[in-house]
Amino acid sequence: MRKKFKGSYTVEAAFIFPLVMSVIVLIIYLSFFIHDRAVMDAASYQAAMRGSFVTSGKSDFLKKAEKAGDELLKEALLVTRVSEKNIEMKNNTLTVTYSGIMNIPGGVNFIPGIPSELKMNVKSSATRLDPTGFVRSCRIIENLADDPGEADTGEM
């Protein structure tokens, strides 16, 4: 005896398959977003740190920070494009800010409430260092620690 199969499985799959595929694609794009945000965060941090180590003039450390950030972002981003970058110095602190936009394709956006583009802002800062002043301070402290007699003015 042959069993007769109904076409209900095909109809149910026709309704569920697009939903399942949309969820899978959204998970993939969310992974791209998280990756690109981590890359932009690391690039802004590296740019701020590299710029803070330059001891010469103001334009030199701004150029160094911009070059470092551009090198790291050049080929590392998957789907995000950098829309704005800002490098500024305020109160001896170098701040690097990147803004990016990630477009989500239109075919995935049939679910209401999902935006067609995701925006991200990343900001990192580092304080400029004075290596010569730090070394001099360490040597002064070292000399005081080696010869405690000079620092001791108390009477016995």
N, C-alpha and C. Protein backbone atom coordinates (compact mmCIF):
# COMPACT_ATOMS: atom_id res chain seq x y z
N MET A 1 0.82 -1.19 0.00
CA MET A 1 0.00 0.00 0.00
C MET A 1 0.86 1.25 0.00
N ARG A 2 0.53 2.15 -0.79
CA ARG A 2 1.26 3.41 -0.84
C ARG A 2 0.53 4.44 -0.02
N LYS A 3 1.33 5.19 0.74
CA LYS A 3 0.75 6.28 1.51
C LYS A 3 0.73 7.52 0.64
N LYS A 4 -0.30 8.28 0.79
CA LYS A 4 -0.38 9.52 0.04
C LYS A 4 0.18 10.64 0.91
N PHE A 5 1.11 11.39 0.34
CA PHE A 5 1.71 12.52 1.06
C PHE A 5 0.99 13.80 0.67
N LYS A 6 0.78 14.60 1.67
CA LYS A 6 0.11 15.86 1.43
C LYS A 6 1.14 16.95 1.14
N GLY A 7 0.72 18.04 0.55
CA GLY A 7 1.61 19.15 0.23
C GLY A 7 1.70 20.19 1.33
N SER A 8 1.22 19.87 2.52
CA SER A 8 1.21 20.86 3.60
C SER A 8 2.63 21.19 4.07
N TYR A 9 3.54 20.24 4.00
CA TYR A 9 4.91 20.52 4.41
C TYR A 9 5.57 21.54 3.49
N THR A 10 5.26 21.46 2.23
CA THR A 10 5.82 22.40 1.27
C THR A 10 5.28 23.81 1.51
N VAL A 11 4.04 23.93 1.81
CA VAL A 11 3.44 25.24 2.08
C VAL A 11 4.00 25.84 3.36
N GLU A 12 4.13 25.02 4.41
CA GLU A 12 4.68 25.50 5.67
C GLU A 12 6.15 25.93 5.49
N ALA A 13 6.91 25.17 4.73
CA ALA A 13 8.30 25.53 4.49
C ALA A 13 8.40 26.82 3.68
N ALA A 14 7.48 27.04 2.78
CA ALA A 14 7.48 28.26 1.97
C ALA A 14 7.25 29.49 2.83
N PHE A 15 6.53 29.35 3.91
CA PHE A 15 6.32 30.49 4.82
C PHE A 15 7.46 30.67 5.82
N ILE A 16 8.04 29.59 6.28
CA ILE A 16 9.05 29.65 7.34
C ILE A 16 10.45 29.91 6.78
N PHE A 17 10.77 29.38 5.62
CA PHE A 17 12.13 29.50 5.07
C PHE A 17 12.59 30.95 4.92
N PRO A 18 11.81 31.88 4.36
CA PRO A 18 12.29 33.27 4.27
C PRO A 18 12.56 33.90 5.64
N LEU A 19 11.75 33.56 6.62
CA LEU A 19 11.95 34.09 7.96
C LEU A 19 13.25 33.55 8.56
N VAL A 20 13.50 32.28 8.41
CA VAL A 20 14.72 31.67 8.93
C VAL A 20 15.94 32.24 8.23
N MET A 21 15.88 32.40 6.92
CA MET A 21 17.01 32.96 6.19
C MET A 21 17.26 34.41 6.57
N SER A 22 16.20 35.18 6.81
CA SER A 22 16.36 36.58 7.23
C SER A 22 17.05 36.66 8.59
N VAL A 23 16.68 35.79 9.50
CA VAL A 23 17.31 35.78 10.81
C VAL A 23 18.79 35.41 10.69
N ILE A 24 19.11 34.45 9.85
CA ILE A 24 20.51 34.06 9.66
C ILE A 24 21.32 35.20 9.06
N VAL A 25 20.76 35.88 8.06
CA VAL A 25 21.47 37.00 7.44
C VAL A 25 21.63 38.15 8.44
N LEU A 26 20.61 38.41 9.25
CA LEU A 26 20.72 39.47 10.26
C LEU A 26 21.79 39.13 11.30
N ILE A 27 21.91 37.88 11.67
CA ILE A 27 22.96 37.47 12.60
C ILE A 27 24.34 37.69 11.97
N ILE A 28 24.47 37.38 10.68
CA ILE A 28 25.74 37.60 9.99
C ILE A 28 26.08 39.09 9.97
N TYR A 29 25.09 39.94 9.64
CA TYR A 29 25.36 41.38 9.60
C TYR A 29 25.62 41.94 10.99
N LEU A 30 25.00 41.40 12.01
CA LEU A 30 25.30 41.82 13.38
C LEU A 30 26.74 41.45 13.74
N SER A 31 27.20 40.30 13.27
CA SER A 31 28.59 39.90 13.49
C SER A 31 29.55 40.86 12.78
N PHE A 32 29.20 41.26 11.54
CA PHE A 32 30.01 42.26 10.84
C PHE A 32 30.07 43.56 11.61
N PHE A 33 28.92 43.98 12.15
CA PHE A 33 28.86 45.23 12.91
C PHE A 33 29.75 45.17 14.15
N ILE A 34 29.65 44.07 14.88
CA ILE A 34 30.46 43.92 16.09
C ILE A 34 31.95 43.88 15.73
N HIS A 35 32.30 43.19 14.67
CA HIS A 35 33.70 43.14 14.22
C HIS A 35 34.21 44.53 13.87
N ASP A 36 33.45 45.25 13.06
CA ASP A 36 33.89 46.58 12.62
C ASP A 36 33.95 47.56 13.79
N ARG A 37 33.06 47.44 14.74
CA ARG A 37 33.11 48.32 15.91
C ARG A 37 34.36 48.03 16.74
N ALA A 38 34.70 46.76 16.90
CA ALA A 38 35.92 46.41 17.64
C ALA A 38 37.17 46.90 16.90
N VAL A 39 37.18 46.80 15.58
CA VAL A 39 38.32 47.28 14.79
C VAL A 39 38.45 48.80 14.92
N MET A 40 37.33 49.52 14.82
CA MET A 40 37.38 50.98 14.94
C MET A 40 37.80 51.40 16.34
N ASP A 41 37.35 50.67 17.36
CA ASP A 41 37.75 50.98 18.73
C ASP A 41 39.25 50.77 18.92
N ALA A 42 39.76 49.67 18.40
CA ALA A 42 41.20 49.40 18.51
C ALA A 42 42.01 50.43 17.73
N ALA A 43 41.52 50.82 16.56
CA ALA A 43 42.24 51.81 15.74
C ALA A 43 42.27 53.17 16.43
N SER A 44 41.16 53.57 17.04
CA SER A 44 41.15 54.87 17.73
C SER A 44 42.06 54.84 18.95
N TYR A 45 42.09 53.71 19.65
CA TYR A 45 42.98 53.59 20.81
C TYR A 45 44.45 53.62 20.38
N GLN A 46 44.78 52.86 19.32
CA GLN A 46 46.16 52.84 18.84
C GLN A 46 46.59 54.21 18.33
N ALA A 47 45.69 54.90 17.63
CA ALA A 47 46.01 56.23 17.12
C ALA A 47 46.26 57.20 18.27
N ALA A 48 45.43 57.14 19.30
CA ALA A 48 45.62 58.02 20.45
C ALA A 48 46.93 57.71 21.17
N MET A 49 47.24 56.43 21.33
CA MET A 49 48.47 56.06 22.03
C MET A 49 49.70 56.45 21.22
N ARG A 50 49.70 56.19 19.92
CA ARG A 50 50.87 56.53 19.10
C ARG A 50 51.07 58.03 19.03
N GLY A 51 49.99 58.78 18.95
CA GLY A 51 50.10 60.23 18.93
C GLY A 51 50.58 60.80 20.24
N SER A 52 50.25 60.15 21.34
CA SER A 52 50.65 60.67 22.65
C SER A 52 52.13 60.46 22.94
N PHE A 53 52.78 59.56 22.22
CA PHE A 53 54.20 59.30 22.46
C PHE A 53 55.13 60.23 21.70
N VAL A 54 54.60 61.01 20.76
CA VAL A 54 55.43 61.93 19.99
C VAL A 54 55.77 63.12 20.87
N THR A 55 57.03 63.46 20.97
CA THR A 55 57.45 64.54 21.87
C THR A 55 57.74 65.84 21.14
N SER A 56 57.64 65.85 19.82
CA SER A 56 57.92 67.08 19.07
C SER A 56 56.66 67.94 18.99
N GLY A 57 56.55 68.78 17.98
CA GLY A 57 55.48 69.76 17.86
C GLY A 57 54.08 69.18 17.72
N LYS A 58 53.08 70.09 17.81
CA LYS A 58 51.68 69.69 17.79
C LYS A 58 51.28 69.03 16.47
N SER A 59 51.73 69.59 15.37
CA SER A 59 51.33 69.03 14.08
C SER A 59 51.91 67.63 13.88
N ASP A 60 53.07 67.36 14.49
CA ASP A 60 53.70 66.04 14.33
C ASP A 60 52.87 64.94 14.99
N PHE A 61 52.39 65.17 16.20
CA PHE A 61 51.65 64.10 16.85
C PHE A 61 50.25 63.96 16.27
N LEU A 62 49.67 65.02 15.74
CA LEU A 62 48.39 64.89 15.06
C LEU A 62 48.54 64.08 13.77
N LYS A 63 49.62 64.33 13.02
CA LYS A 63 49.87 63.56 11.80
C LYS A 63 50.16 62.10 12.12
N LYS A 64 50.92 61.87 13.18
CA LYS A 64 51.26 60.50 13.57
C LYS A 64 50.01 59.73 13.98
N ALA A 65 49.13 60.38 14.75
CA ALA A 65 47.90 59.73 15.18
C ALA A 65 46.99 59.44 13.99
N GLU A 66 46.88 60.39 13.06
CA GLU A 66 46.03 60.18 11.89
C GLU A 66 46.57 59.06 11.01
N LYS A 67 47.88 59.04 10.82
CA LYS A 67 48.49 58.00 10.00
C LYS A 67 48.31 56.62 10.62
N ALA A 68 48.48 56.53 11.94
CA ALA A 68 48.32 55.24 12.63
C ALA A 68 46.89 54.73 12.50
N GLY A 69 45.91 55.61 12.69
CA GLY A 69 44.52 55.20 12.57
C GLY A 69 44.16 54.79 11.15
N ASP A 70 44.63 55.54 10.16
CA ASP A 70 44.34 55.21 8.77
C ASP A 70 44.96 53.87 8.36
N GLU A 71 46.17 53.60 8.83
CA GLU A 71 46.81 52.32 8.51
C GLU A 71 46.02 51.14 9.08
N LEU A 72 45.51 51.29 10.29
CA LEU A 72 44.77 50.19 10.91
C LEU A 72 43.39 50.00 10.29
N LEU A 73 42.77 51.07 9.83
CA LEU A 73 41.42 50.97 9.29
C LEU A 73 41.40 50.65 7.80
N LYS A 74 42.53 50.79 7.12
CA LYS A 74 42.56 50.72 5.66
C LYS A 74 41.91 49.44 5.12
N GLU A 75 42.30 48.29 5.59
CA GLU A 75 41.78 47.04 5.05
C GLU A 75 41.10 46.16 6.09
N ALA A 76 40.90 46.68 7.29
CA ALA A 76 40.37 45.83 8.35
C ALA A 76 38.84 45.86 8.45
N LEU A 77 38.21 46.92 7.98
CA LEU A 77 36.75 47.02 8.08
C LEU A 77 36.09 46.16 7.02
N LEU A 78 35.02 45.46 7.41
CA LEU A 78 34.34 44.57 6.48
C LEU A 78 33.25 45.29 5.69
N VAL A 79 32.29 45.92 6.37
CA VAL A 79 31.17 46.54 5.67
C VAL A 79 30.93 47.99 6.10
N THR A 80 31.63 48.46 7.07
CA THR A 80 31.43 49.82 7.57
C THR A 80 32.33 50.79 6.82
N ARG A 81 31.83 51.96 6.54
CA ARG A 81 32.66 53.01 5.97
C ARG A 81 32.79 54.12 7.00
N VAL A 82 33.99 54.63 7.15
CA VAL A 82 34.25 55.70 8.10
C VAL A 82 33.71 56.99 7.51
N SER A 83 32.78 57.62 8.21
CA SER A 83 32.17 58.85 7.69
C SER A 83 32.84 60.10 8.25
N GLU A 84 33.44 59.98 9.43
CA GLU A 84 34.07 61.15 10.04
C GLU A 84 35.17 60.70 10.98
N LYS A 85 36.28 61.45 10.97
CA LYS A 85 37.34 61.21 11.95
C LYS A 85 37.76 62.56 12.51
N ASN A 86 38.00 62.57 13.79
CA ASN A 86 38.33 63.81 14.47
C ASN A 86 39.46 63.53 15.45
N ILE A 87 40.54 64.29 15.34
CA ILE A 87 41.68 64.17 16.25
C ILE A 87 41.91 65.54 16.85
N GLU A 88 41.82 65.61 18.16
CA GLU A 88 42.00 66.92 18.81
C GLU A 88 42.80 66.79 20.09
N MET A 89 43.43 67.90 20.45
CA MET A 89 44.26 67.97 21.64
C MET A 89 43.65 69.01 22.57
N LYS A 90 43.37 68.59 23.81
CA LYS A 90 42.81 69.50 24.79
C LYS A 90 43.38 69.14 26.16
N ASN A 91 43.98 70.10 26.83
CA ASN A 91 44.55 69.90 28.17
C ASN A 91 45.53 68.73 28.22
N ASN A 92 46.43 68.68 27.23
CA ASN A 92 47.47 67.66 27.17
C ASN A 92 46.92 66.24 26.99
N THR A 93 45.66 66.13 26.52
CA THR A 93 45.05 64.83 26.26
C THR A 93 44.66 64.77 24.78
N LEU A 94 45.12 63.75 24.12
CA LEU A 94 44.82 63.53 22.71
C LEU A 94 43.59 62.65 22.60
N THR A 95 42.56 63.13 21.89
CA THR A 95 41.31 62.40 21.74
C THR A 95 41.10 62.09 20.27
N VAL A 96 40.84 60.82 19.96
CA VAL A 96 40.60 60.37 18.59
C VAL A 96 39.18 59.82 18.53
N THR A 97 38.38 60.34 17.60
CA THR A 97 36.99 59.93 17.45
C THR A 97 36.75 59.50 16.01
N TYR A 98 36.15 58.33 15.84
CA TYR A 98 35.75 57.84 14.52
C TYR A 98 34.24 57.62 14.53
N SER A 99 33.60 57.97 13.42
CA SER A 99 32.19 57.69 13.21
C SER A 99 32.06 56.88 11.94
N GLY A 100 31.20 55.87 11.96
CA GLY A 100 31.03 55.03 10.79
C GLY A 100 29.58 54.68 10.56
N ILE A 101 29.28 54.30 9.32
CA ILE A 101 27.92 53.90 8.94
C ILE A 101 28.01 52.54 8.25
N MET A 102 27.13 51.63 8.69
CA MET A 102 27.04 50.32 8.07
C MET A 102 25.67 50.19 7.44
N ASN A 103 25.61 50.02 6.13
CA ASN A 103 24.33 49.85 5.43
C ASN A 103 23.92 48.40 5.43
N ILE A 104 22.63 48.18 5.70
CA ILE A 104 22.06 46.84 5.65
C ILE A 104 21.27 46.75 4.34
N PRO A 105 21.45 45.70 3.56
CA PRO A 105 20.76 45.60 2.28
C PRO A 105 19.24 45.63 2.45
N GLY A 106 18.56 46.15 1.43
CA GLY A 106 17.11 46.32 1.49
C GLY A 106 16.33 45.03 1.60
N GLY A 107 16.82 43.94 1.05
CA GLY A 107 16.08 42.69 1.10
C GLY A 107 15.96 42.11 2.49
N VAL A 108 16.84 42.49 3.38
CA VAL A 108 16.80 41.97 4.75
C VAL A 108 15.86 42.81 5.61
N ASN A 109 15.57 44.01 5.17
CA ASN A 109 14.82 44.95 6.00
C ASN A 109 13.31 44.85 5.90
N PHE A 110 12.78 43.72 5.51
CA PHE A 110 11.33 43.64 5.45
C PHE A 110 10.71 43.47 6.83
N ILE A 111 11.52 43.18 7.85
CA ILE A 111 11.02 43.08 9.22
C ILE A 111 10.92 44.49 9.78
N PRO A 112 9.75 44.89 10.26
CA PRO A 112 9.59 46.25 10.78
C PRO A 112 10.45 46.50 12.02
N GLY A 113 10.95 47.71 12.12
CA GLY A 113 11.74 48.09 13.29
C GLY A 113 13.23 47.93 13.10
N ILE A 114 13.67 47.32 12.02
CA ILE A 114 15.09 47.16 11.76
C ILE A 114 15.53 48.30 10.85
N PRO A 115 16.48 49.12 11.30
CA PRO A 115 16.91 50.26 10.48
C PRO A 115 17.70 49.80 9.25
N SER A 116 17.75 50.67 8.24
CA SER A 116 18.48 50.31 7.02
C SER A 116 19.97 50.59 7.14
N GLU A 117 20.37 51.37 8.16
CA GLU A 117 21.79 51.61 8.40
C GLU A 117 22.03 51.72 9.89
N LEU A 118 23.19 51.25 10.30
CA LEU A 118 23.59 51.32 11.70
C LEU A 118 24.76 52.29 11.82
N LYS A 119 24.68 53.17 12.80
CA LYS A 119 25.72 54.16 13.00
C LYS A 119 26.51 53.80 14.25
N MET A 120 27.81 54.06 14.19
CA MET A 120 28.64 53.80 15.37
C MET A 120 29.60 54.97 15.57
N ASN A 121 29.82 55.30 16.82
CA ASN A 121 30.78 56.32 17.21
C ASN A 121 31.75 55.70 18.20
N VAL A 122 33.02 55.87 17.96
CA VAL A 122 34.06 55.31 18.82
C VAL A 122 34.99 56.45 19.22
N LYS A 123 35.34 56.49 20.51
CA LYS A 123 36.18 57.57 21.02
C LYS A 123 37.21 57.00 21.99
N SER A 124 38.46 57.39 21.80
CA SER A 124 39.54 57.00 22.71
C SER A 124 40.41 58.21 22.97
N SER A 125 41.03 58.21 24.15
CA SER A 125 41.91 59.32 24.48
C SER A 125 43.13 58.80 25.23
N ALA A 126 44.20 59.58 25.12
CA ALA A 126 45.45 59.25 25.81
C ALA A 126 46.12 60.56 26.21
N THR A 127 46.74 60.56 27.37
CA THR A 127 47.45 61.74 27.86
C THR A 127 48.86 61.75 27.29
N ARG A 128 49.27 62.90 26.81
CA ARG A 128 50.64 63.02 26.27
C ARG A 128 51.64 62.85 27.38
N LEU A 129 52.68 62.15 27.08
CA LEU A 129 53.70 61.86 28.07
C LEU A 129 54.94 62.72 27.83
N ASP A 130 55.65 62.99 28.91
CA ASP A 130 56.92 63.69 28.83
C ASP A 130 57.98 62.72 29.34
N PRO A 131 58.57 61.91 28.44
CA PRO A 131 59.49 60.87 28.89
C PRO A 131 60.71 61.42 29.61
N THR A 132 61.26 62.55 29.14
CA THR A 132 62.46 63.07 29.80
C THR A 132 62.14 63.55 31.21
N GLY A 133 61.00 64.20 31.38
CA GLY A 133 60.61 64.64 32.72
C GLY A 133 60.36 63.46 33.65
N PHE A 134 59.78 62.39 33.11
CA PHE A 134 59.52 61.20 33.91
C PHE A 134 60.83 60.55 34.36
N VAL A 135 61.79 60.44 33.44
CA VAL A 135 63.09 59.84 33.78
C VAL A 135 63.80 60.69 34.83
N ARG A 136 63.75 62.00 34.68
CA ARG A 136 64.38 62.88 35.66
C ARG A 136 63.74 62.73 37.03
N SER A 137 62.42 62.66 37.07
CA SER A 137 61.73 62.46 38.36
C SER A 137 62.11 61.13 38.99
N CYS A 138 62.21 60.09 38.18
CA CYS A 138 62.60 58.78 38.70
C CYS A 138 64.02 58.81 39.26
N ARG A 139 64.91 59.51 38.59
CA ARG A 139 66.30 59.60 39.07
C ARG A 139 66.38 60.39 40.37
N ILE A 140 65.59 61.44 40.50
CA ILE A 140 65.56 62.20 41.76
C ILE A 140 65.09 61.32 42.89
N ILE A 141 64.02 60.56 42.65
CA ILE A 141 63.51 59.65 43.68
C ILE A 141 64.54 58.56 43.98
N GLU A 142 65.19 58.05 42.96
CA GLU A 142 66.23 57.04 43.14
C GLU A 142 67.38 57.58 43.99
N ASN A 143 67.81 58.80 43.72
CA ASN A 143 68.91 59.40 44.48
C ASN A 143 68.51 59.62 45.93
N LEU A 144 67.27 60.01 46.16
CA LEU A 144 66.80 60.17 47.54
C LEU A 144 66.73 58.84 48.26
N ALA A 145 66.37 57.79 47.56
CA ALA A 145 66.28 56.47 48.17
C ALA A 145 67.67 55.91 48.47
N ASP A 146 68.66 56.23 47.63
CA ASP A 146 70.03 55.73 47.84
C ASP A 146 70.72 56.41 49.01
N ASP A 147 70.45 57.67 49.21
CA ASP A 147 71.12 58.44 50.25
C ASP A 147 70.07 59.03 51.21
N PRO A 148 69.58 58.21 52.15
CA PRO A 148 68.52 58.71 53.04
C PRO A 148 69.04 59.75 54.04
N GLY A 149 70.32 59.88 54.20
CA GLY A 149 70.88 60.84 55.14
C GLY A 149 70.59 62.29 54.73
N GLU A 150 70.53 62.57 53.44
CA GLU A 150 70.27 63.92 52.99
C GLU A 150 68.83 64.33 53.28
N ALA A 151 67.93 63.40 53.17
CA ALA A 151 66.52 63.72 53.38
C ALA A 151 66.16 63.76 54.85
N ASP A 152 66.96 63.11 55.72
CA ASP A 152 66.67 63.05 57.16
C ASP A 152 67.19 64.29 57.85
N THR A 153 66.30 65.14 58.32
CA THR A 153 66.71 66.36 59.04
C THR A 153 66.31 66.32 60.50
N GLY A 154 65.76 65.21 60.94
CA GLY A 154 65.31 65.10 62.33
C GLY A 154 66.49 64.98 63.29
N GLU A 155 66.29 65.42 64.54
CA GLU A 155 67.35 65.34 65.56
C GLU A 155 67.13 64.12 66.42
N MET A 156 68.22 63.63 67.01
CA MET A 156 68.14 62.47 67.88
C MET A 156 68.17 62.85 69.30
